[in-house]
Structures are given as structure tokens and as C-alpha cells.
Amino acid sequence: MYVCLCTGVTDGQIRDAIFDGCCSYRDVRQATGVASQCGKCACLAKQVVRETLTELQSSQASISYPVEFSAA
């Protein structure tokens, strides 16, 4: 779905930016250009970023590590 009509940014592009290393709304905005013109999409863009980061964090937390793993 299109989140930003001004720059043509979709929710998939926002998620891809996060999977490519963006870890904040500011990073996503710089990478995609979302909400850089009229700004009406900022709330929805922030929501997509928040949900995606939450999903990513919870999926990483559920990864089981081998018994030998030690955080140094």
C-alpha cells in the first residue's frame, strides 16, 4: 500500500529499508524520502516503522542460541 503519495513510497519499501539496516524513523525518512514533502503521511509512516521494528525485535528475541553461545 502507498504510504506517501508525494514520493511514491510504499509500506513494503519502508519495511525493506528497516531490513536493510535503518533502525529509526529518521533513518527510514532519509533512505526513502517518505514524508519529505507535504508530511500528511508522517503518522502512518511512523506507525509502519514502529510495527516493523517491534516485529523484527520480537523475532530476533525468539531465536534460540546453542548452549555453547556466550555473549562476550
PDB file of N, CA and C in Angstrom:
ATOM      1  N   MET A   1       0.842  -1.167   0.000  1.00  0.00           N
ATOM      2  CA  MET A   1       0.000   0.000   0.000  1.00  0.00           C
ATOM      3  C   MET A   1       0.896   1.240   0.000  1.00  0.00           C
ATOM      4  N   TYR A   2       0.420   2.251  -0.692  1.00  0.00           N
ATOM      5  CA  TYR A   2       1.178   3.500  -0.705  1.00  0.00           C
ATOM      6  C   TYR A   2       0.991   4.233   0.612  1.00  0.00           C
ATOM      7  N   VAL A   3       2.092   4.623   1.197  1.00  0.00           N
ATOM      8  CA  VAL A   3       2.076   5.400   2.425  1.00  0.00           C
ATOM      9  C   VAL A   3       2.232   6.868   2.077  1.00  0.00           C
ATOM     10  N   CYS A   4       3.148   7.168   1.171  1.00  0.00           N
ATOM     11  CA  CYS A   4       3.437   8.551   0.764  1.00  0.00           C
ATOM     12  C   CYS A   4       3.154   8.705  -0.721  1.00  0.00           C
ATOM     13  N   LEU A   5       2.100   9.427  -1.044  1.00  0.00           N
ATOM     14  CA  LEU A   5       1.757   9.633  -2.443  1.00  0.00           C
ATOM     15  C   LEU A   5       2.672  10.649  -3.113  1.00  0.00           C
ATOM     16  N   CYS A   6       3.179  11.601  -2.361  1.00  0.00           N
ATOM     17  CA  CYS A   6       4.043  12.636  -2.933  1.00  0.00           C
ATOM     18  C   CYS A   6       5.318  12.036  -3.536  1.00  0.00           C
ATOM     19  N   THR A   7       5.908  11.089  -2.835  1.00  0.00           N
ATOM     20  CA  THR A   7       7.171  10.499  -3.298  1.00  0.00           C
ATOM     21  C   THR A   7       7.017   9.050  -3.733  1.00  0.00           C
ATOM     22  N   GLY A   8       5.797   8.500  -3.622  1.00  0.00           N
ATOM     23  CA  GLY A   8       5.533   7.147  -4.082  1.00  0.00           C
ATOM     24  C   GLY A   8       6.166   6.056  -3.234  1.00  0.00           C
ATOM     25  N   VAL A   9       6.179   6.251  -1.917  1.00  0.00           N
ATOM     26  CA  VAL A   9       6.784   5.274  -1.017  1.00  0.00           C
ATOM     27  C   VAL A   9       5.701   4.339  -0.482  1.00  0.00           C
ATOM     28  N   THR A  10       5.972   3.037  -0.547  1.00  0.00           N
ATOM     29  CA  THR A  10       5.026   2.046  -0.056  1.00  0.00           C
ATOM     30  C   THR A  10       5.452   1.517   1.312  1.00  0.00           C
ATOM     31  N   ASP A  11       4.520   0.812   1.954  1.00  0.00           N
ATOM     32  CA  ASP A  11       4.860   0.204   3.236  1.00  0.00           C
ATOM     33  C   ASP A  11       5.934  -0.863   3.048  1.00  0.00           C
ATOM     34  N   GLY A  12       5.941  -1.526   1.918  1.00  0.00           N
ATOM     35  CA  GLY A  12       6.973  -2.519   1.626  1.00  0.00           C
ATOM     36  C   GLY A  12       8.355  -1.901   1.526  1.00  0.00           C
ATOM     37  N   GLN A  13       8.434  -0.717   0.943  1.00  0.00           N
ATOM     38  CA  GLN A  13       9.720  -0.023   0.846  1.00  0.00           C
ATOM     39  C   GLN A  13      10.217   0.410   2.224  1.00  0.00           C
ATOM     40  N   ILE A  14       9.290   0.796   3.083  1.00  0.00           N
ATOM     41  CA  ILE A  14       9.666   1.170   4.453  1.00  0.00           C
ATOM     42  C   ILE A  14      10.205  -0.055   5.183  1.00  0.00           C
ATOM     43  N   ARG A  15       9.505  -1.176   5.056  1.00  0.00           N
ATOM     44  CA  ARG A  15       9.969  -2.416   5.701  1.00  0.00           C
ATOM     45  C   ARG A  15      11.325  -2.851   5.146  1.00  0.00           C
ATOM     46  N   ASP A  16      11.483  -2.758   3.826  1.00  0.00           N
ATOM     47  CA  ASP A  16      12.763  -3.119   3.209  1.00  0.00           C
ATOM     48  C   ASP A  16      13.894  -2.249   3.736  1.00  0.00           C
ATOM     49  N   ALA A  17      13.630  -0.959   3.929  1.00  0.00           N
ATOM     50  CA  ALA A  17      14.654  -0.055   4.452  1.00  0.00           C
ATOM     51  C   ALA A  17      15.075  -0.488   5.852  1.00  0.00           C
ATOM     52  N   ILE A  18      14.115  -0.930   6.649  1.00  0.00           N
ATOM     53  CA  ILE A  18      14.435  -1.396   8.004  1.00  0.00           C
ATOM     54  C   ILE A  18      15.237  -2.688   7.937  1.00  0.00           C
ATOM     55  N   PHE A  19      14.830  -3.615   7.067  1.00  0.00           N
ATOM     56  CA  PHE A  19      15.562  -4.865   6.922  1.00  0.00           C
ATOM     57  C   PHE A  19      16.962  -4.634   6.366  1.00  0.00           C
ATOM     58  N   ASP A  20      17.151  -3.507   5.659  1.00  0.00           N
ATOM     59  CA  ASP A  20      18.463  -3.160   5.113  1.00  0.00           C
ATOM     60  C   ASP A  20      19.326  -2.383   6.099  1.00  0.00           C
ATOM     61  N   GLY A  21      18.818  -2.146   7.313  1.00  0.00           N
ATOM     62  CA  GLY A  21      19.660  -1.536   8.329  1.00  0.00           C
ATOM     63  C   GLY A  21      19.144  -0.274   8.987  1.00  0.00           C
ATOM     64  N   CYS A  22      18.078   0.325   8.470  1.00  0.00           N
ATOM     65  CA  CYS A  22      17.522   1.506   9.129  1.00  0.00           C
ATOM     66  C   CYS A  22      16.938   1.088  10.467  1.00  0.00           C
ATOM     67  N   CYS A  23      17.208   1.857  11.509  1.00  0.00           N
ATOM     68  CA  CYS A  23      16.701   1.469  12.828  1.00  0.00           C
ATOM     69  C   CYS A  23      15.937   2.599  13.514  1.00  0.00           C
ATOM     70  N   SER A  24      15.486   3.579  12.739  1.00  0.00           N
ATOM     71  CA  SER A  24      14.658   4.637  13.299  1.00  0.00           C
ATOM     72  C   SER A  24      13.840   5.275  12.177  1.00  0.00           C
ATOM     73  N   TYR A  25      12.822   6.031  12.566  1.00  0.00           N
ATOM     74  CA  TYR A  25      12.016   6.748  11.582  1.00  0.00           C
ATOM     75  C   TYR A  25      12.883   7.716  10.792  1.00  0.00           C
ATOM     76  N   ARG A  26      13.789   8.373  11.470  1.00  0.00           N
ATOM     77  CA  ARG A  26      14.682   9.322  10.806  1.00  0.00           C
ATOM     78  C   ARG A  26      15.512   8.630   9.721  1.00  0.00           C
ATOM     79  N   ASP A  27      16.044   7.447  10.039  1.00  0.00           N
ATOM     80  CA  ASP A  27      16.818   6.684   9.053  1.00  0.00           C
ATOM     81  C   ASP A  27      15.959   6.317   7.849  1.00  0.00           C
ATOM     82  N   VAL A  28      14.727   5.863   8.124  1.00  0.00           N
ATOM     83  CA  VAL A  28      13.820   5.472   7.047  1.00  0.00           C
ATOM     84  C   VAL A  28      13.476   6.680   6.183  1.00  0.00           C
ATOM     85  N   ARG A  29      13.246   7.795   6.822  1.00  0.00           N
ATOM     86  CA  ARG A  29      12.910   9.012   6.076  1.00  0.00           C
ATOM     87  C   ARG A  29      14.062   9.425   5.155  1.00  0.00           C
ATOM     88  N   GLN A  30      15.280   9.343   5.642  1.00  0.00           N
ATOM     89  CA  GLN A  30      16.439   9.688   4.809  1.00  0.00           C
ATOM     90  C   GLN A  30      16.626   8.695   3.670  1.00  0.00           C
ATOM     91  N   ALA A  31      16.362   7.423   3.937  1.00  0.00           N
ATOM     92  CA  ALA A  31      16.576   6.388   2.936  1.00  0.00           C
ATOM     93  C   ALA A  31      15.500   6.373   1.845  1.00  0.00           C
ATOM     94  N   THR A  32      14.255   6.679   2.232  1.00  0.00           N
ATOM     95  CA  THR A  32      13.155   6.542   1.280  1.00  0.00           C
ATOM     96  C   THR A  32      12.572   7.868   0.794  1.00  0.00           C
ATOM     97  N   GLY A  33      12.744   8.918   1.573  1.00  0.00           N
ATOM     98  CA  GLY A  33      12.143  10.202   1.216  1.00  0.00           C
ATOM     99  C   GLY A  33      10.702  10.340   1.688  1.00  0.00           C
ATOM    100  N   VAL A  34      10.225   9.368   2.461  1.00  0.00           N
ATOM    101  CA  VAL A  34       8.852   9.417   2.957  1.00  0.00           C
ATOM    102  C   VAL A  34       8.657  10.647   3.833  1.00  0.00           C
ATOM    103  N   ALA A  35       7.500  11.293   3.695  1.00  0.00           N
ATOM    104  CA  ALA A  35       7.118  12.478   4.482  1.00  0.00           C
ATOM    105  C   ALA A  35       8.057  13.653   4.296  1.00  0.00           C
ATOM    106  N   SER A  36       8.707  13.718   3.154  1.00  0.00           N
ATOM    107  CA  SER A  36       9.657  14.810   2.928  1.00  0.00           C
ATOM    108  C   SER A  36       9.031  15.985   2.182  1.00  0.00           C
ATOM    109  N   GLN A  37       7.766  15.855   1.768  1.00  0.00           N
ATOM    110  CA  GLN A  37       7.129  16.965   1.064  1.00  0.00           C
ATOM    111  C   GLN A  37       5.986  17.550   1.879  1.00  0.00           C
ATOM    112  N   CYS A  38       4.781  17.039   1.730  1.00  0.00           N
ATOM    113  CA  CYS A  38       3.657  17.656   2.456  1.00  0.00           C
ATOM    114  C   CYS A  38       3.566  17.184   3.902  1.00  0.00           C
ATOM    115  N   GLY A  39       4.043  15.980   4.209  1.00  0.00           N
ATOM    116  CA  GLY A  39       4.075  15.488   5.574  1.00  0.00           C
ATOM    117  C   GLY A  39       2.801  14.847   6.075  1.00  0.00           C
ATOM    118  N   LYS A  40       1.757  14.751   5.244  1.00  0.00           N
ATOM    119  CA  LYS A  40       0.493  14.159   5.692  1.00  0.00           C
ATOM    120  C   LYS A  40       0.619  12.674   6.006  1.00  0.00           C
ATOM    121  N   CYS A  41       1.645  12.029   5.473  1.00  0.00           N
ATOM    122  CA  CYS A  41       1.812  10.593   5.666  1.00  0.00           C
ATOM    123  C   CYS A  41       2.694  10.258   6.866  1.00  0.00           C
ATOM    124  N   ALA A  42       3.196  11.237   7.561  1.00  0.00           N
ATOM    125  CA  ALA A  42       4.164  11.006   8.636  1.00  0.00           C
ATOM    126  C   ALA A  42       3.635  10.070   9.717  1.00  0.00           C
ATOM    127  N   CYS A  43       2.384  10.246  10.129  1.00  0.00           N
ATOM    128  CA  CYS A  43       1.822   9.394  11.192  1.00  0.00           C
ATOM    129  C   CYS A  43       1.764   7.941  10.749  1.00  0.00           C
ATOM    130  N   LEU A  44       1.300   7.698   9.531  1.00  0.00           N
ATOM    131  CA  LEU A  44       1.218   6.332   9.032  1.00  0.00           C
ATOM    132  C   LEU A  44       2.613   5.746   8.831  1.00  0.00           C
ATOM    133  N   ALA A  45       3.538   6.541   8.316  1.00  0.00           N
ATOM    134  CA  ALA A  45       4.908   6.065   8.116  1.00  0.00           C
ATOM    135  C   ALA A  45       5.543   5.690   9.450  1.00  0.00           C
ATOM    136  N   LYS A  46       5.341   6.512  10.465  1.00  0.00           N
ATOM    137  CA  LYS A  46       5.880   6.205  11.793  1.00  0.00           C
ATOM    138  C   LYS A  46       5.268   4.929  12.347  1.00  0.00           C
ATOM    139  N   GLN A  47       3.981   4.727  12.098  1.00  0.00           N
ATOM    140  CA  GLN A  47       3.309   3.515  12.569  1.00  0.00           C
ATOM    141  C   GLN A  47       3.904   2.272  11.901  1.00  0.00           C
ATOM    142  N   VAL A  48       4.141   2.335  10.600  1.00  0.00           N
ATOM    143  CA  VAL A  48       4.732   1.198   9.886  1.00  0.00           C
ATOM    144  C   VAL A  48       6.137   0.925  10.407  1.00  0.00           C
ATOM    145  N   VAL A  49       6.908   1.968  10.633  1.00  0.00           N
ATOM    146  CA  VAL A  49       8.261   1.810  11.169  1.00  0.00           C
ATOM    147  C   VAL A  49       8.198   1.171  12.558  1.00  0.00           C
ATOM    148  N   ARG A  50       7.331   1.684  13.421  1.00  0.00           N
ATOM    149  CA  ARG A  50       7.208   1.167  14.786  1.00  0.00           C
ATOM    150  C   ARG A  50       6.806  -0.307  14.779  1.00  0.00           C
ATOM    151  N   GLU A  51       5.796  -0.653  13.977  1.00  0.00           N
ATOM    152  CA  GLU A  51       5.337  -2.044  13.922  1.00  0.00           C
ATOM    153  C   GLU A  51       6.417  -2.973  13.380  1.00  0.00           C
ATOM    154  N   THR A  52       7.111  -2.530  12.346  1.00  0.00           N
ATOM    155  CA  THR A  52       8.143  -3.367  11.734  1.00  0.00           C
ATOM    156  C   THR A  52       9.315  -3.574  12.683  1.00  0.00           C
ATOM    157  N   LEU A  53       9.744  -2.519  13.363  1.00  0.00           N
ATOM    158  CA  LEU A  53      10.834  -2.657  14.327  1.00  0.00           C
ATOM    159  C   LEU A  53      10.440  -3.568  15.482  1.00  0.00           C
ATOM    160  N   THR A  54       9.197  -3.470  15.930  1.00  0.00           N
ATOM    161  CA  THR A  54       8.712  -4.330  17.009  1.00  0.00           C
ATOM    162  C   THR A  54       8.697  -5.787  16.566  1.00  0.00           C
ATOM    163  N   GLU A  55       8.195  -6.044  15.351  1.00  0.00           N
ATOM    164  CA  GLU A  55       8.172  -7.411  14.820  1.00  0.00           C
ATOM    165  C   GLU A  55       9.582  -7.960  14.686  1.00  0.00           C
ATOM    166  N   LEU A  56      10.483  -7.134  14.200  1.00  0.00           N
ATOM    167  CA  LEU A  56      11.869  -7.558  13.999  1.00  0.00           C
ATOM    168  C   LEU A  56      12.536  -7.879  15.337  1.00  0.00           C
ATOM    169  N   GLN A  57      12.318  -7.036  16.329  1.00  0.00           N
ATOM    170  CA  GLN A  57      12.903  -7.266  17.651  1.00  0.00           C
ATOM    171  C   GLN A  57      12.346  -8.524  18.295  1.00  0.00           C
ATOM    172  N   SER A  58      11.043  -8.743  18.164  1.00  0.00           N
ATOM    173  CA  SER A  58      10.456  -9.934  18.785  1.00  0.00           C
ATOM    174  C   SER A  58      10.876 -11.200  18.058  1.00  0.00           C
ATOM    175  N   SER A  59      11.072 -11.138  16.754  1.00  0.00           N
ATOM    176  CA  SER A  59      11.520 -12.329  16.029  1.00  0.00           C
ATOM    177  C   SER A  59      12.973 -12.644  16.361  1.00  0.00           C
ATOM    178  N   GLN A  60      13.781 -11.631  16.589  1.00  0.00           N
ATOM    179  CA  GLN A  60      15.175 -11.867  16.961  1.00  0.00           C
ATOM    180  C   GLN A  60      15.271 -12.380  18.387  1.00  0.00           C
ATOM    181  N   ALA A  61      14.362 -11.971  19.244  1.00  0.00           N
ATOM    182  CA  ALA A  61      14.379 -12.408  20.638  1.00  0.00           C
ATOM    183  C   ALA A  61      13.984 -13.874  20.753  1.00  0.00           C
ATOM    184  N   SER A  62      13.230 -14.371  19.782  1.00  0.00           N
ATOM    185  CA  SER A  62      12.776 -15.756  19.862  1.00  0.00           C
ATOM    186  C   SER A  62      13.756 -16.737  19.217  1.00  0.00           C
ATOM    187  N   ILE A  63      14.854 -16.233  18.665  1.00  0.00           N
ATOM    188  CA  ILE A  63      15.860 -17.108  18.074  1.00  0.00           C
ATOM    189  C   ILE A  63      16.585 -17.831  19.204  1.00  0.00           C
ATOM    190  N   SER A  64      16.618 -19.127  19.103  1.00  0.00           N
ATOM    191  CA  SER A  64      17.318 -19.874  20.152  1.00  0.00           C
ATOM    192  C   SER A  64      18.785 -20.023  19.768  1.00  0.00           C
ATOM    193  N   TYR A  65      19.631 -19.872  20.743  1.00  0.00           N
ATOM    194  CA  TYR A  65      21.072 -19.972  20.531  1.00  0.00           C
ATOM    195  C   TYR A  65      21.563 -21.311  21.077  1.00  0.00           C
ATOM    196  N   PRO A  66      22.619 -21.811  20.500  1.00  0.00           N
ATOM    197  CA  PRO A  66      23.189 -23.064  21.028  1.00  0.00           C
ATOM    198  C   PRO A  66      23.650 -22.878  22.469  1.00  0.00           C
ATOM    199  N   VAL A  67      23.726 -23.973  23.201  1.00  0.00           N
ATOM    200  CA  VAL A  67      24.133 -23.927  24.594  1.00  0.00           C
ATOM    201  C   VAL A  67      25.519 -23.332  24.736  1.00  0.00           C
ATOM    202  N   GLU A  68      26.389 -23.562  23.747  1.00  0.00           N
ATOM    203  CA  GLU A  68      27.763 -23.073  23.809  1.00  0.00           C
ATOM    204  C   GLU A  68      27.867 -21.552  23.623  1.00  0.00           C
ATOM    205  N   PHE A  69      26.789 -20.917  23.168  1.00  0.00           N
ATOM    206  CA  PHE A  69      26.840 -19.489  22.894  1.00  0.00           C
ATOM    207  C   PHE A  69      27.085 -18.710  24.176  1.00  0.00           C
ATOM    208  N   SER A  70      28.029 -17.795  24.113  1.00  0.00           N
ATOM    209  CA  SER A  70      28.258 -16.908  25.251  1.00  0.00           C
ATOM    210  C   SER A  70      28.460 -15.495  24.740  1.00  0.00           C
ATOM    211  N   ALA A  71      27.807 -14.571  25.348  1.00  0.00           N
ATOM    212  CA  ALA A  71      27.945 -13.167  24.980  1.00  0.00           C
ATOM    213  C   ALA A  71      29.182 -12.618  25.678  1.00  0.00           C
ATOM    214  N   ALA A  72      30.167 -12.239  24.882  1.00  0.00           N
ATOM    215  CA  ALA A  72      31.416 -11.752  25.479  1.00  0.00           C
ATOM    216  C   ALA A  72      31.435 -10.262  25.553  1.00  0.00           C
TER     217      ALA A  72
END
